[in-house]
N, C-alpha and C. Protein backbone atom coordinates (compact mmCIF):
# COMPACT_ATOMS: atom_id res chain seq x y z
N UNK A 1 224.94 -4.08 379.98
CA UNK A 1 225.08 -3.86 378.78
C UNK A 1 223.76 -3.75 377.51
N UNK A 2 224.21 -3.09 376.72
CA UNK A 2 222.79 -3.16 375.92
C UNK A 2 223.31 -4.04 374.84
N UNK A 3 222.33 -4.78 374.72
CA UNK A 3 222.21 -5.59 373.57
C UNK A 3 222.11 -5.32 372.26
N UNK A 4 222.56 -5.28 371.41
CA UNK A 4 222.29 -5.06 369.90
C UNK A 4 220.86 -5.28 369.38
N UNK A 5 220.74 -4.34 368.89
CA UNK A 5 219.36 -5.21 368.08
C UNK A 5 219.05 -5.94 367.07
N UNK A 6 219.01 -6.68 366.65
CA UNK A 6 218.54 -7.81 365.92
C UNK A 6 218.21 -7.11 364.37
N UNK A 7 218.96 -7.40 363.53
CA UNK A 7 218.44 -6.81 362.00
C UNK A 7 217.12 -6.82 361.60
N UNK A 8 216.79 -7.99 362.20
CA UNK A 8 215.24 -8.31 361.57
C UNK A 8 214.26 -7.33 362.15
N UNK A 9 214.37 -6.81 363.41
CA UNK A 9 213.78 -5.38 364.29
C UNK A 9 214.24 -4.62 363.77
N UNK A 10 215.31 -4.35 362.88
CA UNK A 10 215.94 -2.70 362.64
C UNK A 10 215.37 -2.39 361.49
N UNK A 11 214.73 -3.55 360.43
CA UNK A 11 214.45 -3.13 359.45
C UNK A 11 212.92 -2.59 359.32
N UNK A 12 212.60 -3.05 360.23
CA UNK A 12 210.88 -2.02 360.61
C UNK A 12 210.84 -1.14 360.69
N UNK A 13 211.40 -0.37 361.94
CA UNK A 13 211.80 0.70 362.51
C UNK A 13 212.48 1.69 361.42
N UNK A 14 213.76 1.38 360.52
CA UNK A 14 213.86 1.86 359.59
C UNK A 14 213.00 2.51 358.19
N UNK A 15 212.40 1.21 357.75
CA UNK A 15 211.42 1.11 356.49
C UNK A 15 210.37 2.08 356.35
N UNK A 16 209.98 2.60 357.19
CA UNK A 16 209.00 4.08 357.86
C UNK A 16 209.89 5.25 357.26
N UNK A 17 211.06 5.27 358.07
CA UNK A 17 212.22 6.53 357.93
C UNK A 17 212.40 6.66 356.80
N UNK A 18 212.91 5.04 356.03
CA UNK A 18 213.18 5.48 354.55
C UNK A 18 212.39 5.66 353.61
N UNK A 19 210.97 5.36 353.82
CA UNK A 19 210.07 5.77 353.06
C UNK A 19 209.92 7.15 352.97
N UNK A 20 209.79 7.91 353.83
CA UNK A 20 209.40 9.19 354.28
C UNK A 20 210.56 9.68 353.46
N UNK A 21 211.71 9.66 353.86
CA UNK A 21 212.50 10.31 353.36
C UNK A 21 212.70 10.49 351.57
N UNK A 22 212.57 8.83 351.09
CA UNK A 22 212.74 8.65 349.27
C UNK A 22 211.29 9.48 348.90
N UNK A 23 210.06 9.47 349.58
CA UNK A 23 209.33 10.03 349.33
C UNK A 23 208.98 11.43 349.24
N UNK A 24 209.29 12.18 349.94
CA UNK A 24 210.03 13.65 350.02
C UNK A 24 210.67 14.17 348.66
N UNK A 25 211.68 12.91 349.00
CA UNK A 25 212.79 13.83 347.86
C UNK A 25 212.35 13.68 347.02
N UNK A 26 211.20 12.64 346.26
CA UNK A 26 211.34 12.49 345.03
C UNK A 26 210.10 13.94 344.24
N UNK A 27 208.98 14.14 344.75
CA UNK A 27 208.69 15.44 344.57
C UNK A 27 209.70 16.45 344.55
N UNK A 28 210.52 16.84 345.46
CA UNK A 28 211.65 17.94 345.28
C UNK A 28 212.44 17.89 343.77
N UNK A 29 212.59 16.28 343.53
CA UNK A 29 213.50 16.36 342.45
C UNK A 29 212.72 16.46 341.33
N UNK A 30 211.28 15.80 341.53
CA UNK A 30 210.11 16.30 340.00
C UNK A 30 210.13 17.79 339.96
N UNK A 31 209.60 18.79 341.15
CA UNK A 31 209.52 19.83 340.93
C UNK A 31 211.18 20.73 340.36
N UNK A 32 212.18 20.35 340.78
CA UNK A 32 213.44 20.66 340.19
C UNK A 32 213.23 20.42 338.52
N UNK A 33 213.27 19.29 338.22
CA UNK A 33 213.11 19.37 337.16
C UNK A 33 212.20 20.00 336.05
N UNK A 34 210.84 20.25 336.62
CA UNK A 34 209.91 20.83 335.90
C UNK A 34 210.59 22.51 335.60
N UNK A 35 211.12 23.11 337.33
CA UNK A 35 211.50 24.27 337.30
C UNK A 35 212.43 24.48 336.03
N UNK A 36 213.53 23.49 336.02
CA UNK A 36 214.33 23.65 334.62
C UNK A 36 213.22 23.64 333.53
N UNK A 37 212.68 23.02 333.33
CA UNK A 37 211.75 22.86 331.99
C UNK A 37 211.39 24.18 331.42
N UNK A 38 210.52 25.11 332.66
CA UNK A 38 210.24 26.01 332.58
C UNK A 38 210.85 27.02 332.34
N UNK A 39 212.49 27.18 333.08
CA UNK A 39 213.31 28.18 332.47
C UNK A 39 213.95 27.94 331.20
N UNK A 40 213.80 26.78 330.74
CA UNK A 40 214.62 26.48 329.42
C UNK A 40 213.20 27.24 328.59
N UNK A 41 212.13 27.13 328.91
CA UNK A 41 211.09 27.40 327.93
C UNK A 41 211.03 29.26 327.98
N UNK A 42 211.22 29.56 329.20
CA UNK A 42 211.19 30.78 329.50
C UNK A 42 212.74 31.63 328.42
N UNK A 43 213.75 30.89 328.02
CA UNK A 43 214.87 31.51 328.12
C UNK A 43 214.90 31.34 326.26
N UNK A 44 214.48 30.39 325.93
CA UNK A 44 213.95 30.40 324.97
C UNK A 44 212.86 31.24 324.41
N UNK A 45 211.29 31.70 324.79
CA UNK A 45 210.96 32.97 324.64
C UNK A 45 211.52 34.42 324.84
N UNK A 46 212.16 34.59 325.64
CA UNK A 46 213.00 35.82 326.31
C UNK A 46 214.14 35.80 324.56
N UNK A 47 214.45 34.87 324.18
CA UNK A 47 215.32 35.03 323.05
C UNK A 47 214.85 35.63 321.45
N UNK A 48 213.65 34.77 321.68
CA UNK A 48 212.43 34.88 320.62
C UNK A 48 211.92 36.20 320.59
N UNK A 49 211.85 37.01 321.68
CA UNK A 49 211.45 38.18 321.61
C UNK A 49 212.02 39.52 321.29
N UNK A 50 213.95 39.11 321.96
CA UNK A 50 214.40 40.06 321.34
C UNK A 50 215.12 39.77 319.86
N UNK A 51 214.76 38.79 319.45
CA UNK A 51 215.29 38.64 317.61
C UNK A 51 214.05 39.73 317.36
N UNK A 52 212.98 39.51 317.38
CA UNK A 52 211.78 40.04 316.81
C UNK A 52 211.77 41.65 317.53
N UNK A 53 212.11 41.98 318.29
CA UNK A 53 212.40 43.47 318.86
C UNK A 53 213.63 43.96 317.97
N UNK A 54 214.72 43.37 318.00
CA UNK A 54 215.53 43.87 317.12
C UNK A 54 215.22 43.74 315.56
N UNK A 55 214.70 42.59 315.13
CA UNK A 55 213.84 43.23 313.47
C UNK A 55 213.18 44.25 313.68
N UNK A 56 212.18 44.43 314.37
CA UNK A 56 211.38 45.43 314.72
C UNK A 56 212.20 46.82 314.51
N UNK A 57 212.86 47.08 315.43
CA UNK A 57 214.02 48.19 315.68
C UNK A 57 214.47 48.40 314.16
N UNK A 58 215.05 47.63 313.67
CA UNK A 58 215.98 48.00 312.33
C UNK A 58 214.84 48.11 311.27
N UNK A 59 213.80 47.49 311.24
CA UNK A 59 213.14 47.63 310.33
C UNK A 59 212.75 49.30 310.04
N UNK A 60 212.56 50.04 311.25
CA UNK A 60 212.02 51.58 311.36
C UNK A 60 212.78 52.30 310.46
N UNK A 61 214.31 52.29 311.02
CA UNK A 61 214.79 53.07 309.91
C UNK A 61 215.02 52.58 308.61
N UNK A 62 214.84 51.12 308.14
CA UNK A 62 215.19 50.70 306.70
C UNK A 62 214.11 51.52 306.17
N UNK A 63 212.56 51.35 307.01
CA UNK A 63 211.52 52.06 306.10
C UNK A 63 211.62 53.23 305.55
N UNK A 64 211.87 54.09 306.80
CA UNK A 64 212.30 55.62 306.47
C UNK A 64 213.41 55.67 305.20
N UNK A 65 214.24 55.03 305.23
CA UNK A 65 215.36 55.47 304.57
C UNK A 65 214.90 54.73 302.72
N UNK A 66 214.04 53.77 302.81
CA UNK A 66 213.16 53.83 301.79
C UNK A 66 212.45 54.09 301.33
N UNK A 67 211.46 54.73 301.90
CA UNK A 67 210.70 55.78 302.01
C UNK A 67 210.96 57.03 301.45
N UNK A 68 212.42 57.56 301.82
CA UNK A 68 213.33 58.85 301.78
C UNK A 68 213.52 58.53 300.27
N UNK A 69 213.90 57.33 299.71
CA UNK A 69 214.38 57.20 298.47
C UNK A 69 213.60 57.01 296.89
N UNK A 70 212.47 56.85 297.84
CA UNK A 70 211.10 56.34 296.80
C UNK A 70 210.90 57.96 296.48
N UNK A 71 210.64 58.52 297.31
CA UNK A 71 210.21 60.20 296.86
C UNK A 71 211.29 61.10 296.50
N UNK A 72 212.36 61.02 296.52
CA UNK A 72 213.86 61.17 295.82
C UNK A 72 213.71 60.85 294.30
N UNK A 73 212.83 59.84 294.45
CA UNK A 73 213.19 58.90 292.64
C UNK A 73 212.20 59.34 292.14
N UNK A 74 210.85 59.39 292.52
CA UNK A 74 209.70 59.75 292.14
C UNK A 74 209.91 61.20 291.43
N UNK A 75 210.66 62.05 292.68
CA UNK A 75 210.87 63.34 292.08
C UNK A 75 211.68 63.39 290.72
N UNK A 76 212.57 62.68 290.85
CA UNK A 76 213.72 62.27 289.84
C UNK A 76 212.51 62.37 288.44
N UNK A 77 211.92 61.03 288.50
CA UNK A 77 210.74 60.51 287.37
C UNK A 77 210.40 61.90 286.89
N UNK A 78 209.60 62.52 287.65
CA UNK A 78 208.87 63.99 287.19
C UNK A 78 209.31 64.63 286.87
N UNK A 79 210.40 64.81 287.05
CA UNK A 79 211.50 66.20 286.45
C UNK A 79 211.59 65.52 284.84
N UNK A 80 211.90 64.37 285.09
CA UNK A 80 212.74 63.41 283.83
C UNK A 80 211.27 63.98 282.95
N UNK A 81 210.24 63.62 283.39
CA UNK A 81 209.02 63.14 282.76
C UNK A 81 208.98 64.47 281.97
N UNK A 82 209.03 65.87 282.86
CA UNK A 82 208.42 67.29 282.35
C UNK A 82 209.27 67.58 281.56
N UNK A 83 210.57 67.29 281.42
CA UNK A 83 211.80 67.75 280.33
C UNK A 83 211.47 66.59 279.29
N UNK A 84 211.06 65.57 279.25
CA UNK A 84 210.85 64.90 277.66
C UNK A 84 209.61 65.17 277.11
N UNK A 85 208.57 66.43 278.30
CA UNK A 85 207.49 66.79 277.50
C UNK A 85 208.02 67.98 276.87
N UNK A 86 208.50 68.53 277.36
CA UNK A 86 209.08 70.37 276.93
C UNK A 86 209.62 69.89 275.71
N UNK A 87 210.85 68.87 275.57
CA UNK A 87 211.36 68.22 274.34
C UNK A 87 210.51 68.08 273.33
N UNK A 88 209.49 67.20 273.45
CA UNK A 88 208.41 66.52 272.53
C UNK A 88 207.85 67.99 272.01
N UNK A 89 207.67 68.78 273.13
CA UNK A 89 206.91 70.16 272.47
C UNK A 89 207.58 70.81 271.66
N UNK A 90 208.86 70.88 271.96
CA UNK A 90 210.43 71.87 270.77
C UNK A 90 210.19 71.14 269.76
N UNK A 91 210.00 69.36 269.95
CA UNK A 91 210.33 68.86 268.47
C UNK A 91 209.10 69.14 267.82
N UNK A 92 208.26 69.64 268.09
CA UNK A 92 206.44 69.46 266.97
C UNK A 92 206.90 70.84 266.81
N UNK A 93 207.20 72.27 267.58
CA UNK A 93 207.27 73.34 266.94
C UNK A 93 208.28 73.74 265.99
N UNK A 94 209.64 72.54 266.15
CA UNK A 94 210.59 72.73 265.10
C UNK A 94 210.00 72.14 263.91
N UNK A 95 209.70 70.85 263.82
CA UNK A 95 209.12 70.84 262.94
C UNK A 95 207.69 71.14 262.02
N UNK A 96 207.17 72.22 262.57
CA UNK A 96 206.17 72.92 262.08
C UNK A 96 206.70 73.89 261.16
N UNK A 97 207.83 74.56 261.80
CA UNK A 97 208.72 75.60 261.49
C UNK A 97 209.36 75.25 260.44
N UNK A 98 209.77 73.63 260.48
CA UNK A 98 210.76 73.36 259.26
C UNK A 98 209.68 73.03 257.83
N UNK A 99 208.42 72.72 258.15
CA UNK A 99 206.93 72.56 257.21
C UNK A 99 207.13 73.86 256.50
N UNK A 100 206.57 75.10 257.51
CA UNK A 100 206.25 76.24 257.53
C UNK A 100 207.60 76.67 256.03
N UNK A 101 208.98 76.57 256.68
CA UNK A 101 209.50 76.64 255.61
C UNK A 101 210.19 76.05 254.25
N UNK A 102 209.93 74.69 254.07
CA UNK A 102 209.55 74.01 253.05
C UNK A 102 208.54 74.25 251.70
N UNK A 103 207.22 75.01 252.51
CA UNK A 103 206.33 75.66 251.96
C UNK A 103 206.84 77.27 251.46
N UNK A 104 207.41 77.53 251.95
CA UNK A 104 207.68 79.16 252.07
C UNK A 104 209.39 79.16 250.48
N UNK A 105 209.67 77.85 250.76
CA UNK A 105 211.20 77.34 249.90
C UNK A 105 210.15 77.29 248.58
N UNK A 106 209.17 76.38 248.60
CA UNK A 106 208.13 75.65 247.07
C UNK A 106 207.58 77.29 246.43
N UNK A 107 207.41 77.99 247.61
CA UNK A 107 206.54 79.31 247.05
C UNK A 107 207.75 80.32 245.92
N UNK A 108 208.93 79.91 247.04
CA UNK A 108 210.06 81.35 245.85
C UNK A 108 210.57 80.55 244.73
N UNK A 109 210.63 79.04 244.75
CA UNK A 109 211.13 78.34 243.74
C UNK A 109 209.85 78.34 242.53
N UNK A 110 208.74 78.77 242.69
CA UNK A 110 207.66 78.66 242.04
C UNK A 110 207.46 80.19 241.50
N UNK A 111 208.05 80.89 242.45
CA UNK A 111 208.17 82.93 241.93
C UNK A 111 209.18 82.99 240.70
N UNK A 112 210.49 82.14 241.28
CA UNK A 112 211.51 82.10 240.62
C UNK A 112 211.86 81.72 238.97
N UNK A 113 210.76 80.85 238.81
CA UNK A 113 210.79 80.13 237.53
C UNK A 113 209.72 80.82 236.70
N UNK A 114 208.78 81.89 237.63
CA UNK A 114 208.07 82.97 236.60
C UNK A 114 208.52 84.16 236.35
N UNK A 115 209.78 84.70 237.25
CA UNK A 115 210.02 85.90 236.79
C UNK A 115 211.27 85.72 235.82
N UNK A 116 210.79 86.93 235.49
CA UNK A 116 211.78 87.03 234.17
C UNK A 116 213.03 88.58 234.12
N UNK A 117 212.28 89.34 235.13
CA UNK A 117 213.34 90.65 235.44
C UNK A 117 214.19 90.09 236.14
N UNK A 118 215.67 90.54 235.59
CA UNK A 118 216.42 89.99 236.34
C UNK A 118 216.97 90.67 237.86
N UNK A 119 216.54 91.50 238.19
CA UNK A 119 216.67 92.28 239.71
C UNK A 119 215.39 91.33 240.49
N UNK A 120 214.88 91.37 240.02
CA UNK A 120 213.60 90.36 241.09
C UNK A 120 214.22 89.20 241.29
N UNK A 121 214.72 88.56 240.19
CA UNK A 121 215.37 87.25 240.04
C UNK A 121 216.28 87.10 241.37
N UNK A 122 217.23 87.91 241.18
CA UNK A 122 218.22 87.89 242.10
C UNK A 122 217.87 87.74 243.27
N UNK A 123 217.13 88.75 243.69
CA UNK A 123 216.40 88.93 245.17
C UNK A 123 215.87 87.66 245.63
N UNK A 124 215.37 86.81 244.68
CA UNK A 124 214.32 85.91 244.59
C UNK A 124 215.23 84.54 245.11
N UNK A 125 216.43 84.62 244.26
CA UNK A 125 217.49 83.61 244.12
C UNK A 125 217.62 83.77 245.67
N UNK A 126 218.42 85.02 245.94
CA UNK A 126 219.15 85.37 247.50
C UNK A 126 218.10 84.93 248.59
N UNK A 127 216.67 84.90 248.37
CA UNK A 127 215.76 84.42 249.51
C UNK A 127 216.29 83.21 249.39
N UNK A 128 216.04 82.48 247.94
CA UNK A 128 215.75 81.16 247.98
C UNK A 128 217.24 80.54 249.01
N UNK A 129 218.63 80.69 248.88
CA UNK A 129 219.48 80.77 249.47
C UNK A 129 219.01 80.99 251.11
N UNK A 130 218.70 81.66 251.26
CA UNK A 130 218.95 81.79 252.76
C UNK A 130 217.38 80.90 253.19
N UNK A 131 216.79 80.74 252.53
CA UNK A 131 215.54 79.45 252.98
C UNK A 131 216.01 78.54 253.38
N UNK A 132 216.81 77.90 252.31
CA UNK A 132 217.37 76.94 252.29
C UNK A 132 218.48 76.71 253.51
N UNK A 133 219.22 77.64 253.75
CA UNK A 133 219.79 77.45 254.62
C UNK A 133 219.44 77.43 256.32
N UNK A 134 218.40 78.16 255.83
CA UNK A 134 217.85 77.99 257.67
C UNK A 134 216.74 76.77 257.77
N UNK A 135 216.30 75.89 256.61
CA UNK A 135 215.79 74.88 256.36
C UNK A 135 217.02 73.74 257.16
N UNK A 136 217.96 73.84 256.47
CA UNK A 136 219.03 72.83 256.92
C UNK A 136 219.44 73.06 258.49
N UNK A 137 219.55 74.55 258.67
CA UNK A 137 218.97 74.45 260.25
C UNK A 137 218.35 73.77 261.04
N UNK A 138 217.23 74.08 260.79
CA UNK A 138 215.69 73.51 261.33
C UNK A 138 216.20 72.36 261.51
N UNK A 139 215.94 71.58 260.03
CA UNK A 139 216.47 70.27 260.53
C UNK A 139 217.40 69.50 261.05
N UNK A 140 218.70 70.43 261.15
CA UNK A 140 219.29 69.59 262.15
C UNK A 140 219.12 69.68 263.85
N UNK A 141 218.34 70.52 264.16
CA UNK A 141 217.39 71.22 265.18
C UNK A 141 216.90 70.06 265.62
N UNK A 142 215.68 70.02 264.44
CA UNK A 142 214.71 68.61 264.63
C UNK A 142 215.76 67.25 265.01
N UNK A 143 216.57 67.66 264.43
CA UNK A 143 217.31 65.74 264.33
C UNK A 143 218.00 65.86 266.11
N UNK A 144 218.56 66.72 266.50
CA UNK A 144 219.13 67.08 267.76
C UNK A 144 218.33 66.56 269.23
N UNK A 145 216.77 67.74 268.65
CA UNK A 145 215.84 67.49 269.46
C UNK A 145 214.93 66.18 269.87
N UNK A 146 214.93 65.67 268.59
CA UNK A 146 214.79 63.87 268.51
C UNK A 146 215.77 63.01 268.74
N UNK A 147 216.86 63.21 268.64
CA UNK A 147 218.02 62.59 269.59
C UNK A 147 217.96 62.31 271.33
N UNK A 148 217.53 63.97 271.56
CA UNK A 148 217.06 64.15 272.91
C UNK A 148 216.08 63.49 273.57
N UNK A 149 214.79 63.72 272.64
CA UNK A 149 213.75 63.12 272.96
C UNK A 149 214.01 61.12 273.24
N UNK A 150 214.75 60.91 272.64
CA UNK A 150 214.94 59.57 272.49
C UNK A 150 215.38 58.47 274.09
N UNK A 151 216.60 59.74 274.00
CA UNK A 151 217.44 59.69 275.46
C UNK A 151 216.43 59.85 276.52
N UNK A 152 215.94 61.00 276.48
CA UNK A 152 214.82 60.69 277.50
C UNK A 152 213.65 60.01 278.03
N UNK A 153 213.44 59.32 276.77
CA UNK A 153 212.58 58.35 276.89
C UNK A 153 212.94 57.16 278.00
N UNK A 154 214.41 56.80 277.39
CA UNK A 154 215.00 55.63 277.90
C UNK A 154 215.60 56.52 279.13
N UNK A 155 215.66 57.28 279.77
CA UNK A 155 215.84 57.70 281.45
C UNK A 155 215.28 57.73 281.46
N UNK A 156 213.61 58.06 281.15
CA UNK A 156 212.22 57.86 281.87
C UNK A 156 212.05 56.51 282.18
N UNK A 157 212.41 55.54 281.35
CA UNK A 157 211.88 53.71 281.57
C UNK A 157 213.41 53.59 282.68
N UNK A 158 214.36 53.90 282.64
CA UNK A 158 215.43 53.27 283.93
C UNK A 158 214.72 54.30 285.23
N UNK A 159 214.76 55.01 285.26
CA UNK A 159 214.06 55.85 286.56
C UNK A 159 212.98 55.18 287.10
N UNK A 160 212.14 54.99 286.30
CA UNK A 160 210.82 54.16 286.49
C UNK A 160 211.04 52.83 286.90
N UNK A 161 211.83 52.34 286.10
CA UNK A 161 212.18 50.55 287.04
C UNK A 161 213.14 51.00 288.55
N UNK A 162 213.53 51.77 288.69
CA UNK A 162 214.47 52.16 289.63
C UNK A 162 213.05 52.65 290.70
N UNK A 163 212.33 53.32 290.54
CA UNK A 163 211.48 53.63 291.27
C UNK A 163 210.19 52.52 291.80
N UNK A 164 210.34 51.52 290.65
CA UNK A 164 209.74 50.02 291.13
C UNK A 164 210.33 49.33 291.73
N UNK A 165 211.98 49.17 291.65
CA UNK A 165 212.73 48.30 292.87
C UNK A 165 212.12 48.84 294.34
N UNK A 166 212.74 50.10 294.35
CA UNK A 166 212.41 50.55 295.66
C UNK A 166 211.08 50.52 296.37
N UNK A 167 209.54 50.15 295.32
CA UNK A 167 209.13 49.89 295.49
C UNK A 167 208.63 48.39 296.18
N UNK A 168 209.45 47.47 295.77
CA UNK A 168 209.56 46.27 295.85
C UNK A 168 210.12 45.73 297.16
N UNK A 169 211.48 46.63 297.38
CA UNK A 169 212.00 46.88 298.42
C UNK A 169 210.84 46.96 299.87
N UNK A 170 209.91 48.03 299.53
CA UNK A 170 209.30 48.41 300.68
C UNK A 170 208.35 47.18 300.73
N UNK A 171 207.82 46.87 299.81
CA UNK A 171 206.63 45.58 299.88
C UNK A 171 207.24 44.52 300.65
N UNK A 172 208.86 44.13 300.69
CA UNK A 172 209.76 43.09 301.10
C UNK A 172 209.31 43.60 302.48
N UNK A 173 209.82 44.57 302.95
CA UNK A 173 209.98 45.16 304.51
C UNK A 173 208.40 45.10 305.13
N UNK A 174 207.50 45.15 304.43
CA UNK A 174 206.30 45.38 304.89
C UNK A 174 205.77 43.97 304.94
N UNK A 175 206.32 43.13 304.43
CA UNK A 175 205.86 41.54 304.58
C UNK A 175 206.90 41.12 305.91
N UNK A 176 208.40 41.83 305.47
CA UNK A 176 208.67 41.66 307.23
C UNK A 176 208.22 41.13 308.34
N UNK A 177 207.33 43.01 308.43
CA UNK A 177 206.58 43.22 309.67
C UNK A 177 205.62 42.19 309.62
N UNK A 178 204.84 41.75 308.92
CA UNK A 178 203.98 41.34 309.40
C UNK A 178 204.12 39.78 309.57
N UNK A 179 205.53 39.20 309.54
CA UNK A 179 206.15 38.40 310.41
C UNK A 179 205.71 38.29 311.61
């Protein structure tokens, strides 16, 4: 029969075996922990890339829409500016006509004071009445055109502000893309 090995003798035999097992296991655990750290870092990087790609993908259409709005707004501003310029020219022309009419009325009044002949006097009074009526109409037209000119000036300012807002939006998008 075999006799059991004393425990003192068993320890020297098992000790190298236990050391071999534990020394082999420690690098495996360390390697597994290192792999977990790398995977976590890669996962974080992939998520950051996804967010960046989504931002870039959404920025493209937003930029196109903003450019389209900017172009439309620029056309609107140009149209209103042209209309404003036309109205200014009409105001100037109507004012010149009103000034000419005032001179004609002055001349007719001077002639009326100098004329003694009843037929000619009646004719001058009729001309003066027609000229005065036309002057009133021209004054009303000048006033209407000046009001329109003021309204268009305000519209130009409003539309230019909208244009600048769109331009600022594009600048914000550009800053977002630079990040």
